[in-house]
């Protein structure tokens, strides 16, 4: 198998993986949940953005908000600023 054939196979497998991932999140009601699920499947923000018709920046902001929410409240310090936007606000 030459490099060109290998590249075609890799490209087709990549497309199949994206289709399966899209089907996996199709039933999730909120965009934030879809972004989180695709992130757990190790998709990059740019890949998630393409699948959900969002900008990569939007996806990155939503992922940041999700990660901040997962920080235990005891680990937060007084010096941390409050989050000004919710994930839902960013998505709209």
N, C-alpha and C. Protein backbone atom coordinates (compact mmCIF):
# COMPACT_ATOMS: atom_id res chain seq x y z
N UNK A 1 0.85 -1.18 0.00
CA UNK A 1 0.00 0.00 0.00
C UNK A 1 0.90 1.24 0.00
N UNK A 2 0.64 2.14 -0.92
CA UNK A 2 1.47 3.34 -0.98
C UNK A 2 0.89 4.44 -0.08
N UNK A 3 1.62 5.54 0.02
CA UNK A 3 1.22 6.63 0.92
C UNK A 3 -0.11 7.25 0.54
N UNK A 4 -0.37 7.38 -0.75
CA UNK A 4 -1.61 7.99 -1.22
C UNK A 4 -2.81 7.15 -0.80
N UNK A 5 -2.72 5.84 -0.97
CA UNK A 5 -3.81 4.95 -0.57
C UNK A 5 -4.02 5.00 0.94
N UNK A 6 -2.91 5.03 1.67
CA UNK A 6 -2.98 5.10 3.13
C UNK A 6 -3.67 6.39 3.57
N UNK A 7 -3.33 7.50 2.93
CA UNK A 7 -3.94 8.79 3.27
C UNK A 7 -5.44 8.77 2.99
N UNK A 8 -5.85 8.14 1.90
CA UNK A 8 -7.27 8.05 1.58
C UNK A 8 -8.01 7.23 2.64
N UNK A 9 -7.42 6.13 3.07
CA UNK A 9 -8.04 5.29 4.10
C UNK A 9 -8.14 6.04 5.42
N UNK A 10 -7.10 6.73 5.80
CA UNK A 10 -7.11 7.51 7.05
C UNK A 10 -8.18 8.59 6.98
N UNK A 11 -8.30 9.26 5.85
CA UNK A 11 -9.32 10.30 5.68
C UNK A 11 -10.72 9.71 5.81
N UNK A 12 -10.96 8.57 5.20
CA UNK A 12 -12.28 7.93 5.28
C UNK A 12 -12.59 7.47 6.71
N UNK A 13 -11.60 6.94 7.40
CA UNK A 13 -11.81 6.53 8.79
C UNK A 13 -12.10 7.74 9.67
N UNK A 14 -11.43 8.84 9.39
CA UNK A 14 -11.67 10.07 10.15
C UNK A 14 -13.10 10.55 9.95
N UNK A 15 -13.59 10.51 8.74
CA UNK A 15 -14.96 10.93 8.46
C UNK A 15 -15.97 10.01 9.15
N UNK A 16 -15.69 8.72 9.13
CA UNK A 16 -16.59 7.77 9.80
C UNK A 16 -16.63 8.02 11.30
N UNK A 17 -15.48 8.30 11.89
CA UNK A 17 -15.42 8.58 13.32
C UNK A 17 -16.23 9.83 13.66
N UNK A 18 -16.12 10.85 12.84
CA UNK A 18 -16.87 12.08 13.07
C UNK A 18 -18.37 11.85 12.95
N UNK A 19 -18.78 11.04 11.99
CA UNK A 19 -20.20 10.72 11.84
C UNK A 19 -20.72 9.96 13.05
N UNK A 20 -19.95 8.99 13.52
CA UNK A 20 -20.35 8.24 14.71
C UNK A 20 -20.44 9.14 15.93
N UNK A 21 -19.48 10.04 16.08
CA UNK A 21 -19.49 10.96 17.21
C UNK A 21 -20.69 11.90 17.13
N UNK A 22 -21.00 12.38 15.94
CA UNK A 22 -22.15 13.26 15.77
C UNK A 22 -23.44 12.54 16.13
N UNK A 23 -23.57 11.30 15.74
CA UNK A 23 -24.75 10.51 16.10
C UNK A 23 -24.84 10.30 17.61
N UNK A 24 -23.68 10.16 18.23
CA UNK A 24 -23.62 9.92 19.67
C UNK A 24 -24.18 11.09 20.47
N UNK A 25 -23.97 12.30 20.00
CA UNK A 25 -24.41 13.49 20.75
C UNK A 25 -25.72 14.06 20.23
N UNK A 26 -26.25 13.48 19.20
CA UNK A 26 -27.46 14.00 18.56
C UNK A 26 -28.62 14.16 19.53
N UNK A 27 -28.79 13.23 20.46
CA UNK A 27 -29.92 13.26 21.38
C UNK A 27 -29.72 14.16 22.60
N UNK A 28 -28.54 14.71 22.75
CA UNK A 28 -28.30 15.58 23.91
C UNK A 28 -29.00 16.92 23.69
N UNK A 29 -29.74 17.40 24.70
CA UNK A 29 -30.56 18.60 24.51
C UNK A 29 -29.78 19.92 24.42
N UNK A 30 -28.69 20.04 25.17
CA UNK A 30 -27.99 21.32 25.23
C UNK A 30 -26.66 21.24 24.47
N UNK A 31 -26.32 22.33 23.82
CA UNK A 31 -25.05 22.40 23.10
C UNK A 31 -23.87 22.17 24.04
N UNK A 32 -23.98 22.67 25.25
CA UNK A 32 -22.90 22.50 26.23
C UNK A 32 -22.66 21.01 26.49
N UNK A 33 -23.73 20.23 26.58
CA UNK A 33 -23.59 18.79 26.79
C UNK A 33 -22.93 18.12 25.60
N UNK A 34 -23.27 18.57 24.41
CA UNK A 34 -22.67 18.01 23.19
C UNK A 34 -21.18 18.31 23.15
N UNK A 35 -20.82 19.54 23.48
CA UNK A 35 -19.41 19.94 23.49
C UNK A 35 -18.64 19.11 24.51
N UNK A 36 -19.22 18.96 25.69
CA UNK A 36 -18.55 18.19 26.75
C UNK A 36 -18.37 16.73 26.33
N UNK A 37 -19.39 16.13 25.72
CA UNK A 37 -19.31 14.74 25.29
C UNK A 37 -18.24 14.55 24.21
N UNK A 38 -18.19 15.45 23.26
CA UNK A 38 -17.19 15.35 22.21
C UNK A 38 -15.78 15.60 22.75
N UNK A 39 -15.67 16.48 23.73
CA UNK A 39 -14.37 16.71 24.37
C UNK A 39 -13.89 15.44 25.08
N UNK A 40 -14.81 14.75 25.74
CA UNK A 40 -14.45 13.49 26.41
C UNK A 40 -14.01 12.42 25.41
N UNK A 41 -14.46 12.54 24.16
CA UNK A 41 -14.04 11.62 23.11
C UNK A 41 -12.73 12.06 22.45
N UNK A 42 -12.09 13.06 23.06
CA UNK A 42 -10.78 13.57 22.63
C UNK A 42 -10.78 14.31 21.30
N UNK A 43 -11.91 14.92 20.95
CA UNK A 43 -11.91 15.78 19.78
C UNK A 43 -11.35 17.14 20.19
N UNK A 44 -10.64 17.77 19.28
CA UNK A 44 -10.09 19.11 19.52
C UNK A 44 -11.22 20.13 19.39
N UNK A 45 -11.06 21.30 20.03
CA UNK A 45 -12.09 22.33 19.90
C UNK A 45 -12.42 22.68 18.44
N UNK A 46 -11.41 22.70 17.58
CA UNK A 46 -11.67 23.02 16.17
C UNK A 46 -12.52 21.94 15.50
N UNK A 47 -12.30 20.68 15.88
CA UNK A 47 -13.10 19.58 15.31
C UNK A 47 -14.53 19.63 15.84
N UNK A 48 -14.67 19.91 17.13
CA UNK A 48 -16.00 20.02 17.74
C UNK A 48 -16.76 21.17 17.08
N UNK A 49 -16.08 22.28 16.86
CA UNK A 49 -16.70 23.45 16.25
C UNK A 49 -17.26 23.11 14.87
N UNK A 50 -16.50 22.39 14.07
CA UNK A 50 -16.97 22.02 12.74
C UNK A 50 -18.20 21.13 12.81
N UNK A 51 -18.21 20.20 13.75
CA UNK A 51 -19.34 19.28 13.88
C UNK A 51 -20.61 20.00 14.31
N UNK A 52 -20.47 21.01 15.15
CA UNK A 52 -21.64 21.68 15.73
C UNK A 52 -21.92 23.05 15.10
N UNK A 53 -21.19 23.38 14.05
CA UNK A 53 -21.36 24.68 13.38
C UNK A 53 -21.18 25.86 14.34
N UNK A 54 -20.13 25.78 15.13
CA UNK A 54 -19.76 26.84 16.06
C UNK A 54 -18.34 27.29 15.72
N UNK A 55 -17.92 28.39 16.30
CA UNK A 55 -16.53 28.81 16.11
C UNK A 55 -15.65 28.07 17.11
N UNK A 56 -14.39 27.83 16.75
CA UNK A 56 -13.47 27.18 17.69
C UNK A 56 -13.32 27.98 18.99
N UNK A 57 -13.38 29.30 18.88
CA UNK A 57 -13.26 30.15 20.06
C UNK A 57 -14.44 29.92 21.00
N UNK A 58 -15.64 29.82 20.43
CA UNK A 58 -16.84 29.57 21.21
C UNK A 58 -16.72 28.25 21.96
N UNK A 59 -16.27 27.21 21.27
CA UNK A 59 -16.12 25.89 21.89
C UNK A 59 -15.08 25.95 23.00
N UNK A 60 -13.98 26.65 22.77
CA UNK A 60 -12.93 26.77 23.79
C UNK A 60 -13.45 27.47 25.04
N UNK A 61 -14.25 28.53 24.85
CA UNK A 61 -14.82 29.26 25.99
C UNK A 61 -15.76 28.35 26.78
N UNK A 62 -16.61 27.63 26.07
CA UNK A 62 -17.56 26.72 26.75
C UNK A 62 -16.79 25.64 27.51
N UNK A 63 -15.75 25.09 26.92
CA UNK A 63 -14.95 24.07 27.61
C UNK A 63 -14.28 24.67 28.86
N UNK A 64 -13.83 25.91 28.76
CA UNK A 64 -13.23 26.57 29.93
C UNK A 64 -14.25 26.73 31.04
N UNK A 65 -15.46 27.11 30.70
CA UNK A 65 -16.52 27.27 31.70
C UNK A 65 -16.85 25.92 32.33
N UNK A 66 -16.92 24.89 31.51
CA UNK A 66 -17.21 23.54 32.03
C UNK A 66 -16.12 23.11 33.00
N UNK A 67 -14.88 23.34 32.64
CA UNK A 67 -13.76 22.93 33.51
C UNK A 67 -13.74 23.72 34.81
N UNK A 68 -14.09 25.01 34.74
CA UNK A 68 -14.13 25.82 35.97
C UNK A 68 -15.21 25.32 36.92
N UNK A 69 -16.33 24.88 36.36
CA UNK A 69 -17.42 24.36 37.19
C UNK A 69 -17.02 23.07 37.89
N UNK A 70 -16.10 22.32 37.29
CA UNK A 70 -15.70 21.04 37.87
C UNK A 70 -14.67 21.19 38.98
N UNK A 71 -14.10 22.39 39.14
CA UNK A 71 -13.15 22.64 40.21
C UNK A 71 -13.92 22.63 41.52
N UNK A 72 -13.49 21.82 42.49
CA UNK A 72 -14.20 21.81 43.78
C UNK A 72 -14.20 23.21 44.41
N UNK A 73 -15.31 23.57 45.03
CA UNK A 73 -15.43 24.91 45.59
C UNK A 73 -14.40 25.19 46.67
N UNK A 74 -13.92 24.16 47.37
CA UNK A 74 -12.90 24.35 48.40
C UNK A 74 -11.57 24.78 47.78
N UNK A 75 -11.35 24.42 46.51
CA UNK A 75 -10.09 24.76 45.85
C UNK A 75 -10.09 26.19 45.34
N UNK A 76 -11.23 26.84 45.28
CA UNK A 76 -11.30 28.22 44.82
C UNK A 76 -10.77 29.15 45.90
N UNK A 77 -10.14 30.22 45.45
CA UNK A 77 -9.61 31.19 46.41
C UNK A 77 -10.41 32.47 46.29
N UNK A 78 -10.21 33.34 47.26
CA UNK A 78 -10.90 34.62 47.29
C UNK A 78 -10.45 35.49 46.12
N UNK A 79 -9.23 35.30 45.64
CA UNK A 79 -8.67 36.14 44.59
C UNK A 79 -9.25 35.84 43.21
N UNK A 80 -9.94 34.70 43.04
CA UNK A 80 -10.46 34.35 41.72
C UNK A 80 -11.66 35.22 41.38
N UNK A 81 -11.65 35.79 40.17
CA UNK A 81 -12.81 36.60 39.76
C UNK A 81 -14.00 35.70 39.46
N UNK A 82 -15.16 36.24 39.62
CA UNK A 82 -16.38 35.48 39.33
C UNK A 82 -16.53 35.35 37.82
N UNK A 83 -17.09 34.24 37.38
CA UNK A 83 -17.35 34.04 35.97
C UNK A 83 -18.48 34.97 35.55
N UNK A 84 -18.27 35.72 34.49
CA UNK A 84 -19.27 36.69 34.08
C UNK A 84 -20.25 36.13 33.06
N UNK A 85 -19.87 35.06 32.36
CA UNK A 85 -20.77 34.49 31.35
C UNK A 85 -20.98 33.02 31.64
N UNK A 86 -22.19 32.60 31.47
CA UNK A 86 -22.48 31.18 31.60
C UNK A 86 -22.26 30.52 30.25
N UNK A 87 -22.15 29.21 30.23
CA UNK A 87 -21.97 28.48 28.98
C UNK A 87 -23.16 28.72 28.05
N UNK A 88 -24.34 28.82 28.60
CA UNK A 88 -25.53 29.04 27.77
C UNK A 88 -25.48 30.42 27.11
N UNK A 89 -24.97 31.42 27.84
CA UNK A 89 -24.86 32.77 27.26
C UNK A 89 -23.86 32.80 26.13
N UNK A 90 -22.77 32.02 26.27
CA UNK A 90 -21.75 31.99 25.24
C UNK A 90 -22.29 31.33 23.98
N UNK A 91 -23.14 30.33 24.14
CA UNK A 91 -23.66 29.59 23.00
C UNK A 91 -24.68 30.37 22.20
N UNK A 92 -25.28 31.40 22.81
CA UNK A 92 -26.31 32.14 22.08
C UNK A 92 -25.76 33.34 21.37
